[in-house]
Structures are given as C-alpha cells and as structure tokens.
C-alpha atoms as a PDB file:
ATOM      1  CA  MET A   1      51.718   0.651   2.603  1.00  0.00           C
ATOM      2  CA  THR A   2      49.618  -0.072   5.682  1.00  0.00           C
ATOM      3  CA  ASP A   3      48.093  -3.550   5.818  1.00  0.00           C
ATOM      4  CA  PRO A   4      44.620  -3.435   4.244  1.00  0.00           C
ATOM      5  CA  VAL A   5      41.136  -4.213   5.415  1.00  0.00           C
ATOM      6  CA  VAL A   6      40.101  -7.177   3.260  1.00  0.00           C
ATOM      7  CA  VAL A   7      36.514  -8.001   2.355  1.00  0.00           C
ATOM      8  CA  GLY A   8      35.222 -10.933   0.352  1.00  0.00           C
ATOM      9  CA  VAL A   9      32.527 -10.093  -2.187  1.00  0.00           C
ATOM     10  CA  ASP A  10      30.407 -12.216  -4.516  1.00  0.00           C
ATOM     11  CA  GLY A  11      27.705  -9.772  -5.605  1.00  0.00           C
ATOM     12  CA  SER A  12      25.156 -10.926  -3.030  1.00  0.00           C
ATOM     13  CA  PRO A  13      23.301  -8.408  -0.815  1.00  0.00           C
ATOM     14  CA  ALA A  14      25.175  -9.814   2.192  1.00  0.00           C
ATOM     15  CA  SER A  15      28.559  -9.202   0.609  1.00  0.00           C
ATOM     16  CA  ARG A  16      27.542  -5.680  -0.452  1.00  0.00           C
ATOM     17  CA  GLU A  17      26.624  -4.896   3.144  1.00  0.00           C
ATOM     18  CA  ALA A  18      29.925  -6.412   4.271  1.00  0.00           C
ATOM     19  CA  ALA A  19      31.780  -4.170   1.813  1.00  0.00           C
ATOM     20  CA  GLU A  20      30.082  -1.080   3.291  1.00  0.00           C
ATOM     21  CA  HIS A  21      31.194  -2.079   6.796  1.00  0.00           C
ATOM     22  CA  ALA A  22      34.685  -2.848   5.512  1.00  0.00           C
ATOM     23  CA  ALA A  23      34.974   0.587   3.897  1.00  0.00           C
ATOM     24  CA  ALA A  24      33.944   2.285   7.138  1.00  0.00           C
ATOM     25  CA  ALA A  25      36.439   0.153   9.084  1.00  0.00           C
ATOM     26  CA  ALA A  26      39.217   1.030   6.633  1.00  0.00           C
ATOM     27  CA  MET A  27      38.476   4.735   7.015  1.00  0.00           C
ATOM     28  CA  ARG A  28      38.613   4.464  10.808  1.00  0.00           C
ATOM     29  CA  ARG A  29      41.995   2.724  10.527  1.00  0.00           C
ATOM     30  CA  SER A  30      43.402   4.987   7.781  1.00  0.00           C
ATOM     31  CA  ALA A  31      43.996   1.769   5.850  1.00  0.00           C
ATOM     32  CA  PRO A  32      43.428   0.787   2.229  1.00  0.00           C
ATOM     33  CA  LEU A  33      40.490  -1.446   1.328  1.00  0.00           C
ATOM     34  CA  LEU A  34      40.960  -4.629  -0.704  1.00  0.00           C
ATOM     35  CA  LEU A  35      37.874  -6.104  -2.397  1.00  0.00           C
ATOM     36  CA  VAL A  36      38.457  -9.779  -3.167  1.00  0.00           C
ATOM     37  CA  HIS A  37      36.461 -12.189  -5.273  1.00  0.00           C
ATOM     38  CA  GLY A  38      37.651 -15.779  -5.084  1.00  0.00           C
ATOM     39  CA  TYR A  39      36.475 -18.051  -7.890  1.00  0.00           C
ATOM     40  CA  LEU A  40      37.108 -21.745  -8.385  1.00  0.00           C
ATOM     41  CA  HIS A  41      37.173 -21.917 -12.210  1.00  0.00           C
ATOM     42  CA  PRO A  42      35.031 -20.746 -15.134  1.00  0.00           C
ATOM     43  CA  PHE A  43      33.019 -23.986 -15.177  1.00  0.00           C
ATOM     44  CA  ARG A  44      30.940 -22.502 -12.401  1.00  0.00           C
ATOM     45  CA  TYR A  45      29.947 -19.675 -14.732  1.00  0.00           C
ATOM     46  CA  GLY A  46      28.850 -21.950 -17.587  1.00  0.00           C
ATOM     47  CA  VAL A  47      32.154 -22.040 -19.485  1.00  0.00           C
ATOM     48  CA  ALA A  48      33.826 -25.326 -20.297  1.00  0.00           C
ATOM     49  CA  PHE A  49      36.865 -26.005 -18.111  1.00  0.00           C
ATOM     50  CA  ASP A  50      39.969 -27.454 -19.781  1.00  0.00           C
ATOM     51  CA  PRO A  51      41.809 -29.641 -17.252  1.00  0.00           C
ATOM     52  CA  TYR A  52      44.880 -29.712 -19.508  1.00  0.00           C
ATOM     53  CA  ALA A  53      45.344 -25.940 -19.650  1.00  0.00           C
ATOM     54  CA  LEU A  54      48.692 -24.861 -18.242  1.00  0.00           C
ATOM     55  CA  GLU A  55      47.550 -21.389 -17.177  1.00  0.00           C
ATOM     56  CA  LEU A  56      45.059 -20.581 -14.468  1.00  0.00           C
ATOM     57  CA  PRO A  57      41.672 -19.682 -15.948  1.00  0.00           C
ATOM     58  CA  PRO A  58      40.633 -16.014 -15.865  1.00  0.00           C
ATOM     59  CA  PRO A  59      37.510 -14.819 -14.064  1.00  0.00           C
ATOM     60  CA  ALA A  60      34.264 -14.605 -16.004  1.00  0.00           C
ATOM     61  CA  ASP A  61      33.143 -11.242 -17.396  1.00  0.00           C
ATOM     62  CA  ASP A  62      30.185 -11.110 -15.015  1.00  0.00           C
ATOM     63  CA  ALA A  63      32.500 -11.469 -12.031  1.00  0.00           C
ATOM     64  CA  VAL A  64      34.776  -8.719 -13.304  1.00  0.00           C
ATOM     65  CA  LYS A  65      31.846  -6.359 -13.814  1.00  0.00           C
ATOM     66  CA  MET A  66      30.475  -7.166 -10.354  1.00  0.00           C
ATOM     67  CA  LEU A  67      33.743  -6.380  -8.611  1.00  0.00           C
ATOM     68  CA  ASP A  68      34.466  -3.242 -10.627  1.00  0.00           C
ATOM     69  CA  GLY A  69      30.923  -1.953 -10.076  1.00  0.00           C
ATOM     70  CA  MET A  70      31.106  -2.495  -6.323  1.00  0.00           C
ATOM     71  CA  ALA A  71      34.451  -0.709  -6.155  1.00  0.00           C
ATOM     72  CA  ALA A  72      33.030   2.228  -8.112  1.00  0.00           C
ATOM     73  CA  ASP A  73      30.061   2.521  -5.747  1.00  0.00           C
ATOM     74  CA  LEU A  74      32.349   2.556  -2.713  1.00  0.00           C
ATOM     75  CA  ARG A  75      34.703   5.126  -4.258  1.00  0.00           C
ATOM     76  CA  HIS A  76      31.723   7.400  -4.882  1.00  0.00           C
ATOM     77  CA  LYS A  77      30.706   7.176  -1.215  1.00  0.00           C
ATOM     78  CA  TRP A  78      34.251   7.326   0.221  1.00  0.00           C
ATOM     79  CA  PRO A  79      36.316   9.363  -2.296  1.00  0.00           C
ATOM     80  CA  ASP A  80      39.295   9.596   0.079  1.00  0.00           C
ATOM     81  CA  LEU A  81      39.496   5.815   0.575  1.00  0.00           C
ATOM     82  CA  HIS A  82      42.154   3.914  -1.366  1.00  0.00           C
ATOM     83  CA  ILE A  83      40.394   0.880  -2.873  1.00  0.00           C
ATOM     84  CA  GLU A  84      41.926  -2.028  -4.739  1.00  0.00           C
ATOM     85  CA  THR A  85      40.285  -5.080  -6.285  1.00  0.00           C
ATOM     86  CA  ARG A  86      41.554  -8.591  -6.780  1.00  0.00           C
ATOM     87  CA  GLN A  87      40.246 -11.668  -8.571  1.00  0.00           C
ATOM     88  CA  THR A  88      41.745 -14.874  -7.218  1.00  0.00           C
ATOM     89  CA  PRO A  89      41.370 -18.329  -8.829  1.00  0.00           C
ATOM     90  CA  GLY A  90      40.684 -20.264  -5.664  1.00  0.00           C
ATOM     91  CA  GLY A  91      38.011 -21.033  -3.118  1.00  0.00           C
ATOM     92  CA  PRO A  92      36.726 -17.861  -1.426  1.00  0.00           C
ATOM     93  CA  ALA A  93      37.275 -19.110   2.127  1.00  0.00           C
ATOM     94  CA  ALA A  94      40.836 -20.303   1.465  1.00  0.00           C
ATOM     95  CA  THR A  95      41.590 -17.051  -0.362  1.00  0.00           C
ATOM     96  CA  LEU A  96      40.443 -14.880   2.557  1.00  0.00           C
ATOM     97  CA  VAL A  97      42.236 -17.011   5.160  1.00  0.00           C
ATOM     98  CA  ASP A  98      45.443 -16.723   3.130  1.00  0.00           C
ATOM     99  CA  LEU A  99      45.086 -12.940   2.768  1.00  0.00           C
ATOM    100  CA  SER A 100      44.349 -12.600   6.490  1.00  0.00           C
ATOM    101  CA  GLN A 101      48.040 -13.201   7.231  1.00  0.00           C
ATOM    102  CA  HIS A 102      48.791  -9.695   5.967  1.00  0.00           C
ATOM    103  CA  ALA A 103      45.535  -7.889   6.751  1.00  0.00           C
ATOM    104  CA  GLN A 104      44.432  -5.671   9.623  1.00  0.00           C
ATOM    105  CA  LEU A 105      40.916  -7.045   9.416  1.00  0.00           C
ATOM    106  CA  VAL A 106      38.903  -9.447   7.259  1.00  0.00           C
ATOM    107  CA  VAL A 107      35.212  -8.717   6.723  1.00  0.00           C
ATOM    108  CA  VAL A 108      32.632 -11.262   5.568  1.00  0.00           C
ATOM    109  CA  GLY A 109      28.871 -11.214   5.158  1.00  0.00           C
ATOM    110  CA  SER A 110      26.791 -13.688   7.090  1.00  0.00           C
ATOM    111  CA  ARG A 111      25.222 -15.094   3.927  1.00  0.00           C
ATOM    112  CA  GLY A 112      26.428 -15.216   0.327  1.00  0.00           C
ATOM    113  CA  HIS A 113      25.435 -16.968  -2.875  1.00  0.00           C
ATOM    114  CA  GLY A 114      24.927 -20.704  -2.684  1.00  0.00           C
ATOM    115  CA  GLY A 115      23.986 -20.945   0.996  1.00  0.00           C
ATOM    116  CA  PHE A 116      21.338 -23.360   2.211  1.00  0.00           C
ATOM    117  CA  THR A 117      18.130 -21.904   3.641  1.00  0.00           C
ATOM    118  CA  GLY A 118      18.600 -23.643   6.964  1.00  0.00           C
ATOM    119  CA  LEU A 119      22.055 -22.207   7.538  1.00  0.00           C
ATOM    120  CA  LEU A 120      22.213 -18.959   9.462  1.00  0.00           C
ATOM    121  CA  LEU A 121      25.873 -18.517   8.563  1.00  0.00           C
ATOM    122  CA  GLY A 122      27.293 -19.289   5.138  1.00  0.00           C
ATOM    123  CA  SER A 123      30.071 -21.826   4.919  1.00  0.00           C
ATOM    124  CA  VAL A 124      32.613 -19.227   3.711  1.00  0.00           C
ATOM    125  CA  SER A 125      31.898 -16.969   6.685  1.00  0.00           C
ATOM    126  CA  ALA A 126      32.129 -19.864   9.133  1.00  0.00           C
ATOM    127  CA  GLN A 127      35.469 -21.067   7.745  1.00  0.00           C
ATOM    128  CA  VAL A 128      37.011 -17.605   7.709  1.00  0.00           C
ATOM    129  CA  ALA A 129      35.794 -16.815  11.227  1.00  0.00           C
ATOM    130  CA  ALA A 130      37.355 -20.050  12.467  1.00  0.00           C
ATOM    131  CA  HIS A 131      40.680 -20.074  10.604  1.00  0.00           C
ATOM    132  CA  ALA A 132      41.714 -16.467   9.862  1.00  0.00           C
ATOM    133  CA  GLN A 133      45.042 -15.144  11.145  1.00  0.00           C
ATOM    134  CA  CYS A 134      43.673 -11.698  12.043  1.00  0.00           C
ATOM    135  CA  PRO A 135      40.412 -10.342  13.516  1.00  0.00           C
ATOM    136  CA  VAL A 136      37.282 -11.180  11.478  1.00  0.00           C
ATOM    137  CA  LEU A 137      34.187  -8.993  11.285  1.00  0.00           C
ATOM    138  CA  VAL A 138      31.039 -10.999  10.514  1.00  0.00           C
ATOM    139  CA  VAL A 139      28.335  -8.654   9.256  1.00  0.00           C
ATOM    140  CA  ARG A 140      24.842  -9.918   9.966  1.00  0.00           C
ATOM    141  CA  PRO A 141      21.783  -8.399   8.267  1.00  0.00           C
ATOM    142  CA  VAL A 142      19.974  -5.927  10.519  1.00  0.00           C
ATOM    143  CA  ALA A 143      16.431  -4.681   9.954  1.00  0.00           C
ATOM    144  CA  GLY A 144      16.395  -0.884   9.935  1.00  0.00           C
ATOM    145  CA  PRO A 145      19.237   1.468  10.825  1.00  0.00           C
ATOM    146  CA  PRO A 146      21.997  -0.001  13.017  1.00  0.00           C
ATOM    147  CA  PRO A 147      21.752   0.895  16.700  1.00  0.00           C
ATOM    148  CA  ALA A 148      24.072   3.591  18.029  1.00  0.00           C
ATOM    149  CA  GLY A 149      24.824   1.479  21.069  1.00  0.00           C
ATOM    150  CA  PRO A 150      28.096   0.596  22.792  1.00  0.00           C
ATOM    151  CA  VAL A 151      30.755  -1.823  21.712  1.00  0.00           C
ATOM    152  CA  LEU A 152      30.039  -4.948  23.748  1.00  0.00           C
ATOM    153  CA  VAL A 153      32.612  -7.501  24.884  1.00  0.00           C
ATOM    154  CA  GLY A 154      32.246 -10.582  27.040  1.00  0.00           C
ATOM    155  CA  VAL A 155      35.060 -11.538  29.401  1.00  0.00           C
ATOM    156  CA  ASP A 156      35.696 -14.742  31.320  1.00  0.00           C
ATOM    157  CA  GLY A 157      39.346 -14.487  32.366  1.00  0.00           C
ATOM    158  CA  SER A 158      40.636 -16.651  29.513  1.00  0.00           C
ATOM    159  CA  PRO A 159      43.462 -15.630  27.134  1.00  0.00           C
ATOM    160  CA  GLY A 160      40.896 -15.442  24.345  1.00  0.00           C
ATOM    161  CA  SER A 161      38.765 -12.965  26.230  1.00  0.00           C
ATOM    162  CA  ALA A 162      41.830 -10.855  27.041  1.00  0.00           C
ATOM    163  CA  THR A 163      42.527 -10.551  23.316  1.00  0.00           C
ATOM    164  CA  ALA A 164      38.855  -9.683  22.745  1.00  0.00           C
ATOM    165  CA  LEU A 165      38.929  -7.031  25.478  1.00  0.00           C
ATOM    166  CA  SER A 166      41.970  -5.305  23.967  1.00  0.00           C
ATOM    167  CA  LEU A 167      40.457  -5.334  20.489  1.00  0.00           C
ATOM    168  CA  ALA A 168      37.067  -4.120  21.773  1.00  0.00           C
ATOM    169  CA  ALA A 169      38.639  -1.188  23.620  1.00  0.00           C
ATOM    170  CA  ASP A 170      40.577  -0.204  20.496  1.00  0.00           C
ATOM    171  CA  GLU A 171      37.453  -0.437  18.368  1.00  0.00           C
ATOM    172  CA  ALA A 172      35.325   1.565  20.805  1.00  0.00           C
ATOM    173  CA  ALA A 173      37.975   4.295  20.879  1.00  0.00           C
ATOM    174  CA  ARG A 174      38.086   4.435  17.065  1.00  0.00           C
ATOM    175  CA  ARG A 175      34.296   4.729  16.877  1.00  0.00           C
ATOM    176  CA  GLY A 176      33.974   7.208  19.736  1.00  0.00           C
ATOM    177  CA  SER A 177      31.579   4.758  21.415  1.00  0.00           C
ATOM    178  CA  PRO A 178      31.362   3.588  25.015  1.00  0.00           C
ATOM    179  CA  LEU A 179      32.569   0.102  25.874  1.00  0.00           C
ATOM    180  CA  ALA A 180      30.351  -2.313  27.796  1.00  0.00           C
ATOM    181  CA  VAL A 181      32.280  -5.134  29.499  1.00  0.00           C
ATOM    182  CA  VAL A 182      30.044  -8.089  30.353  1.00  0.00           C
ATOM    183  CA  HIS A 183      30.727 -11.054  32.603  1.00  0.00           C
ATOM    184  CA  ALA A 184      28.148 -13.774  33.174  1.00  0.00           C
ATOM    185  CA  TRP A 185      28.684 -15.753  36.343  1.00  0.00           C
ATOM    186  CA  SER A 186      26.929 -18.604  38.103  1.00  0.00           C
ATOM    187  CA  VAL A 187      27.428 -21.083  40.909  1.00  0.00           C
ATOM    188  CA  ASP A 188      26.484 -24.723  40.794  1.00  0.00           C
ATOM    189  CA  PRO A 189      23.821 -25.728  43.334  1.00  0.00           C
ATOM    190  CA  VAL A 190      25.306 -27.381  46.394  1.00  0.00           C
ATOM    191  CA  ALA A 191      23.467 -30.371  47.779  1.00  0.00           C
ATOM    192  CA  GLU A 192      24.349 -29.373  51.322  1.00  0.00           C
ATOM    193  CA  ARG A 193      22.917 -27.070  53.961  1.00  0.00           C
ATOM    194  CA  ARG A 194      21.713 -23.666  52.790  1.00  0.00           C
ATOM    195  CA  GLU A 195      24.528 -21.960  54.696  1.00  0.00           C
ATOM    196  CA  THR A 196      27.098 -23.834  52.608  1.00  0.00           C
ATOM    197  CA  TYR A 197      25.405 -22.724  49.386  1.00  0.00           C
ATOM    198  CA  VAL A 198      25.265 -19.101  50.550  1.00  0.00           C
ATOM    199  CA  ASP A 199      28.980 -19.125  51.343  1.00  0.00           C
ATOM    200  CA  THR A 200      29.750 -20.639  47.935  1.00  0.00           C
ATOM    201  CA  GLU A 201      27.519 -18.134  46.166  1.00  0.00           C
ATOM    202  CA  ASP A 202      29.115 -15.199  47.961  1.00  0.00           C
ATOM    203  CA  ALA A 203      32.587 -16.414  47.069  1.00  0.00           C
ATOM    204  CA  SER A 204      31.599 -16.905  43.407  1.00  0.00           C
ATOM    205  CA  ARG A 205      30.063 -13.449  43.210  1.00  0.00           C
ATOM    206  CA  GLY A 206      33.151 -11.882  44.772  1.00  0.00           C
ATOM    207  CA  ALA A 207      35.422 -13.595  42.275  1.00  0.00           C
ATOM    208  CA  ALA A 208      33.176 -12.491  39.405  1.00  0.00           C
ATOM    209  CA  GLU A 209      33.155  -8.898  40.598  1.00  0.00           C
ATOM    210  CA  ALA A 210      36.950  -8.910  40.858  1.00  0.00           C
ATOM    211  CA  LEU A 211      37.333 -10.405  37.367  1.00  0.00           C
ATOM    212  CA  LEU A 212      35.021  -7.781  35.855  1.00  0.00           C
ATOM    213  CA  ALA A 213      36.683  -4.898  37.705  1.00  0.00           C
ATOM    214  CA  ASP A 214      40.133  -6.014  36.562  1.00  0.00           C
ATOM    215  CA  ALA A 215      38.949  -6.226  32.949  1.00  0.00           C
ATOM    216  CA  ALA A 216      37.369  -2.774  33.059  1.00  0.00           C
ATOM    217  CA  ALA A 217      40.506  -1.311  34.640  1.00  0.00           C
ATOM    218  CA  GLU A 218      42.653  -2.830  31.892  1.00  0.00           C
ATOM    219  CA  ALA A 219      40.448  -1.281  29.206  1.00  0.00           C
ATOM    220  CA  ARG A 220      40.610   2.140  30.891  1.00  0.00           C
ATOM    221  CA  GLN A 221      44.379   1.906  31.277  1.00  0.00           C
ATOM    222  CA  GLY A 222      44.856   1.557  27.529  1.00  0.00           C
ATOM    223  CA  HIS A 223      42.270   4.254  26.732  1.00  0.00           C
ATOM    224  CA  PRO A 224      41.959   6.765  29.606  1.00  0.00           C
ATOM    225  CA  ASP A 225      39.246   8.781  27.837  1.00  0.00           C
ATOM    226  CA  LEU A 226      37.092   5.739  27.055  1.00  0.00           C
ATOM    227  CA  THR A 227      33.742   5.386  28.836  1.00  0.00           C
ATOM    228  CA  VAL A 228      33.653   1.855  30.243  1.00  0.00           C
ATOM    229  CA  GLU A 229      30.507   0.258  31.670  1.00  0.00           C
ATOM    230  CA  GLU A 230      30.697  -2.882  33.829  1.00  0.00           C
ATOM    231  CA  ARG A 231      27.844  -5.388  33.527  1.00  0.00           C
ATOM    232  CA  LEU A 232      27.779  -8.324  35.933  1.00  0.00           C
ATOM    233  CA  VAL A 233      25.030 -10.804  35.057  1.00  0.00           C
ATOM    234  CA  HIS A 234      24.024 -13.889  37.027  1.00  0.00           C
ATOM    235  CA  ALA A 235      23.220 -16.484  34.368  1.00  0.00           C
ATOM    236  CA  LEU A 236      23.974 -20.085  33.451  1.00  0.00           C
ATOM    237  CA  ASP A 237      24.026 -19.290  29.721  1.00  0.00           C
ATOM    238  CA  PRO A 238      26.564 -16.591  28.744  1.00  0.00           C
ATOM    239  CA  GLU A 239      25.700 -17.100  25.063  1.00  0.00           C
ATOM    240  CA  ARG A 240      22.105 -15.985  25.620  1.00  0.00           C
ATOM    241  CA  VAL A 241      23.225 -13.023  27.756  1.00  0.00           C
ATOM    242  CA  LEU A 242      25.430 -11.679  24.954  1.00  0.00           C
ATOM    243  CA  ILE A 243      22.902 -12.437  22.209  1.00  0.00           C
ATOM    244  CA  GLU A 244      20.187 -10.497  24.023  1.00  0.00           C
ATOM    245  CA  ALA A 245      22.573  -7.627  24.829  1.00  0.00           C
ATOM    246  CA  SER A 246      23.681  -7.460  21.180  1.00  0.00           C
ATOM    247  CA  GLU A 247      20.264  -6.108  20.200  1.00  0.00           C
ATOM    248  CA  ALA A 248      21.203  -2.691  21.649  1.00  0.00           C
ATOM    249  CA  ALA A 249      24.903  -2.812  20.701  1.00  0.00           C
ATOM    250  CA  SER A 250      26.683  -1.434  17.647  1.00  0.00           C
ATOM    251  CA  LEU A 251      29.223  -4.266  17.745  1.00  0.00           C
ATOM    252  CA  VAL A 252      29.936  -7.401  19.786  1.00  0.00           C
ATOM    253  CA  VAL A 253      33.512  -8.590  20.208  1.00  0.00           C
ATOM    254  CA  VAL A 254      34.192 -12.195  21.159  1.00  0.00           C
ATOM    255  CA  GLY A 255      37.333 -14.252  21.666  1.00  0.00           C
ATOM    256  CA  SER A 256      38.046 -17.084  19.280  1.00  0.00           C
ATOM    257  CA  ARG A 257      38.314 -19.381  22.287  1.00  0.00           C
ATOM    258  CA  GLY A 258      37.128 -19.064  25.869  1.00  0.00           C
ATOM    259  CA  ARG A 259      36.972 -21.243  28.940  1.00  0.00           C
ATOM    260  CA  GLY A 260      35.647 -24.762  28.620  1.00  0.00           C
ATOM    261  CA  GLY A 261      36.377 -25.191  24.891  1.00  0.00           C
ATOM    262  CA  PHE A 262      37.553 -28.422  23.302  1.00  0.00           C
ATOM    263  CA  THR A 263      41.151 -28.512  22.106  1.00  0.00           C
ATOM    264  CA  GLY A 264      40.145 -29.262  18.527  1.00  0.00           C
ATOM    265  CA  MET A 265      37.681 -26.389  18.261  1.00  0.00           C
ATOM    266  CA  LEU A 266      38.918 -23.129  16.793  1.00  0.00           C
ATOM    267  CA  LEU A 267      35.822 -21.227  17.929  1.00  0.00           C
ATOM    268  CA  GLY A 268      34.328 -21.648  21.388  1.00  0.00           C
ATOM    269  CA  SER A 269      30.608 -22.061  22.019  1.00  0.00           C
ATOM    270  CA  VAL A 270      30.061 -18.363  22.822  1.00  0.00           C
ATOM    271  CA  SER A 271      31.772 -17.282  19.602  1.00  0.00           C
ATOM    272  CA  GLN A 272      29.776 -19.793  17.577  1.00  0.00           C
ATOM    273  CA  ALA A 273      26.503 -18.642  19.129  1.00  0.00           C
ATOM    274  CA  LEU A 274      27.198 -14.952  18.526  1.00  0.00           C
ATOM    275  CA  ILE A 275      28.228 -15.246  14.884  1.00  0.00           C
ATOM    276  CA  HIS A 276      25.116 -17.322  14.178  1.00  0.00           C
ATOM    277  CA  HIS A 277      22.552 -15.479  16.275  1.00  0.00           C
ATOM    278  CA  GLY A 278      23.956 -12.067  17.247  1.00  0.00           C
ATOM    279  CA  ARG A 279      21.761  -9.103  16.385  1.00  0.00           C
ATOM    280  CA  CYS A 280      24.575  -6.785  15.293  1.00  0.00           C
ATOM    281  CA  PRO A 281      27.970  -7.228  13.608  1.00  0.00           C
ATOM    282  CA  VAL A 282      30.301  -9.602  15.464  1.00  0.00           C
ATOM    283  CA  LEU A 283      34.071  -9.186  15.647  1.00  0.00           C
ATOM    284  CA  VAL A 284      35.999 -12.414  16.291  1.00  0.00           C
ATOM    285  CA  ALA A 285      39.263 -11.506  18.007  1.00  0.00           C
ATOM    286  CA  HIS A 286      41.979 -13.661  16.482  1.00  0.00           C
ATOM    287  CA  ARG A 287      45.545 -12.633  17.178  1.00  0.00           C
ATOM    288  CA  HIS A 288      47.660 -11.829  14.141  1.00  0.00           C
ATOM    289  CA  ARG A 289      49.993 -14.679  13.297  1.00  0.00           C
ATOM    290  CA  ARG A 290      52.988 -12.338  13.334  1.00  0.00           C
ATOM    291  CA  GLU A 291      52.126 -11.476  16.955  1.00  0.00           C
ATOM    292  CA  GLY A 292      52.765 -15.093  17.955  1.00  0.00           C
END
C-alpha cells in the first residue's frame, strides 16, 4: 500500500483541525490516512500504573473513544478515503518521528493538550517539525475561512530551500494553485564613497534577480502548466517578509535549514519563525530518509 499521511491527534481542537488538513492532503495524494494517538501510560488518565507489569499498558477508554470518534467523523466527510487508527504506548512526539520514516507526510496541530499559555507552538509540534524524516505540515489556527491564495515558498540558494522549492511546486500542482517564489535580499552598508555602495548594491540586486529567476525556472521545468510568480523583496529580515506574505497564502513551504544556520540546529531561523508566527499552515520540507 502507498505510504500514508500520518496525523497525531489528542482530542484537542488543534488536533481536530490538523486531522481535517491531513485528510485533505491524503485525498490529494491518493494515500491512506493514519490517525495516531501516542500515550505514555494509563497513569496519566488516573489509573494506577504497575511498574512490574510485563506487558505494555493499554490505552484508556476515553482515548479509544476519542480516536474512534474522530475517525468516524472523517469517514463521513471523506467516504472514499481509507482511514486507519493506531494507539501507541509512547510519547506522541517520538511516536510521530518514528512513523515519519515510512510516511509521505506528517501533520501536527500548532497546539494540543498540556501546552503552556506562553507557547505559540506546542512541544510535540516543535519536536516533530525539527526531527521528522519526511515533510511536516504544521497547522496553525486561522480565524475565518482559509485564504484561497498561492502556495508560498522562500528561496535563498541553499540546499534546504531547493528541497522546499521542489515540494512547494508539487504541492501547488496538486492543489491547482499558483506558486509564489519569494527571495528577500539586502546589501550591507558600505562605509565608503556613495559610488562604491551603489556598485555593491547593483551587484547584489543582480545576483538576487538571477537566483530568483533560476528558482522560478526550475519550478516551471518540473510543472510546465504551473503558474509561477516571482517576488523579489529588498529586506533585512526574510522572516518578517514571509510572515507578512503568509496572511494571503494558502500554504507556506520552508526548508528545514537555510543559509546562516548553526550546525547543531535542525530548523533554521526562518523555519522557526514561520511555524511559530505564520498566518497559514506551514510545510517544513524535510527530505525522506530513504532519499539520502
């Protein structure tokens, strides 16, 4: 069977919204949908935990009912979608990261049960977005109906942005949406004569235009019928550019790493900013492990 779209659910409004997006994504991919609830042990549900038990504890009745009810609601809305459910005795983040090795896509809500008020992104979502072995869709709550805007992707010439560009073009083609390719460029001020600064600025703009044109051409090559818009923005803060543009987008795709990241960071600053503050769903473009 085709690798599934996997979504983590815990009964929260955020996870229910994530499940809706996951079902739509599975339909677009002609893939099955796997609803997963990861639980640590029954102690969390008010049942005494026996540390000497040889078998893994079963999920609580409330968790079973939650998962079965969510699956039934989705089957009613998408009767042609193959839906499976799974209860896993383990941490939800670790469970989803493990399942991501054999998934087309993992979907998570931006907030679930147990989050702190000051956190814009729940810890499970943050861990999955950082460590998954396939693309991760982070579904953020949106007031009102979602915009019917383009799929938006930022490019900077890095390997991470190349992966994001390919995934964004594929996703735009599946949705029948235009693709907006964005590149934010800037030039550091030069403490020299104005003529020197002008020359430097012209050279930087030319390089930025070439980078953006190459990215747009690559997207069109893979999808000749895709409408591709090029957006060149002069700005020192690419995170803010993409966050503001996300307000009119149906989806933002970001690379898991871009230029200027630290070696130990699995998500670059732009990716972190978008999954915390983006105004539409954000797709983090990890490469599948089996792709190398």
